[in-house]
Amino acid sequence: MALKDAGKFVAAAVVVLVVGQAARIVPRPPSDAVTEDRIISKSMESSSEIEPHMAATPKGDVAVAWMGMRGGKDGHEPTHIGARVSHDHGQTWGAIVRMDSPNHDVAGDPTVTFFRGEPTVTWLGSDAVYSARIGETPVVVALAPKLQRPVSTSGGDHLWVAYALDSGSAKAGIGLASSADGRAFTKLNIADVGVLPTVCASGRTVVVAWINVTTVGLEVMVAASDDYAQRFTRFIASGANEHVAAEAPSCIVDGDDVWIGYGASDAESHEAGNKSPLMDFAVVTHSPDGGKTTRDRANVRPGAKIMHPVLALRPSGALDLVYLTGGVDGDKTGRAAAHRVVASGAAKLPRTIHEPVIFASAMDDPAWAGDYFGVASTDKATLAALVDTRLEISDAGGSGVERHIVIAPIPEE
């Protein structure tokens, strides 16, 4: 969740109708290729599933976690985490596993990784970060962070979790927790100021990126370590004239190569309430020395507003930027697309992953309330986990909204 209202756990990403305002929501177009067999999250325990995250291993294991919703006519209460695992590159899937927060706490904003070969999920409660291998009893990673999406990753024999210390303040600060067994965590403060962190790791290299709030705008900060987070090199990754979007950066580590991706706008943006920020382009930086210095900067401009840019390292070694996009501001439908990233920028036109994407905001709202999605690669394929919004005619007196997670392959160029 990106800089949402601190008093509401459930933010604009699940709002479909403006309260008290009648709306006519069109049915999903019949040309859409999504079929029931591509939905992997549908369950009797949830009325909708949103906020997917995905991880994979080279040999073909794929894990997806999502936020299960119930309550209200559109299922707006985040009651539990759902998860599912595939062992054949996403072709078939095991049973859905429900994961609950301790003491009947809420559960939302999950991230998933493979830690010591086992799919492990990290998620947010009302005042704590929880973590557990799929199907096991969760433990508390850290207390007090609120409404900031934690991002977990495995450094082989370590589980790393980055989180905001307290989202109620622009000077929240960034924490990093590490564990060798997934049960006991060592915590340290990475920064005294910052929000919306992400973390990526490989071997001894650990990289944390986050959004820093300054008096003149937002900037992307990076802290990189090559000794299991004992010492960090810190630098500002964003450019001085970029209007950085209020959304967590994306991060990939592959050996000594580190890529950081983030969204930005050509002019200063003013968010409307809790809405997701619109972006004109995404910036991707590349470091060949474990994140200490930056060699290349690429700007990816699809020619339309974008949301939620995420980096994907393909089995071939190529790098893609995956995002949601529409034709113009205020589109009620759009698509998920991927752009190949090279040192000089995007080389070709984007490839469509999934369409239409029906944004879950009021029809006339120019600040879309789109949803996050996950991407991951095995040694044979790169996949995306997206929210498929199925809508019927609706008004203030009722709703036919269904939101479920679908799996879509990301085609090569």
Foldseek 3Di string as FASTA:
>chain_A
DFLADQVDLQGPQQAFDDAPFWDWDAFDDPPFPDDPVQFDFDDPVAQAWFQKAKEAAQQAKIKIKTFGFADDQRRRFRQWMWMWMDRHNPPDIDDIATGGDPPRFGWHQKYWEQALNFIKIWTDTQFFIWIDGGPDHIETQDGGAHNARWYWYYQHQKIKIKAFQYSVDQQRFIKMWMDRPNHDIDIDTPTRGFGRKYWEHYHQKIKIWTWGQDPVAIWIKMWITNHNPPHTAIDTPDDPQWHFFRHHWEWYDDPQKIKIKGFTANDHDDDDHRFGDWGQWMKMWIDNGRPNDTDAIAIEGQPFIWGAWYWEQELVRWIKTWTWGADYQQAQWTFIWIFTADRHYGDDHIDTFGDTAGFSYGRRHRRTSHGHKYWYYHNPFIKIKGWHWGFRTTTSVHTPIYIGIGITTHDDD
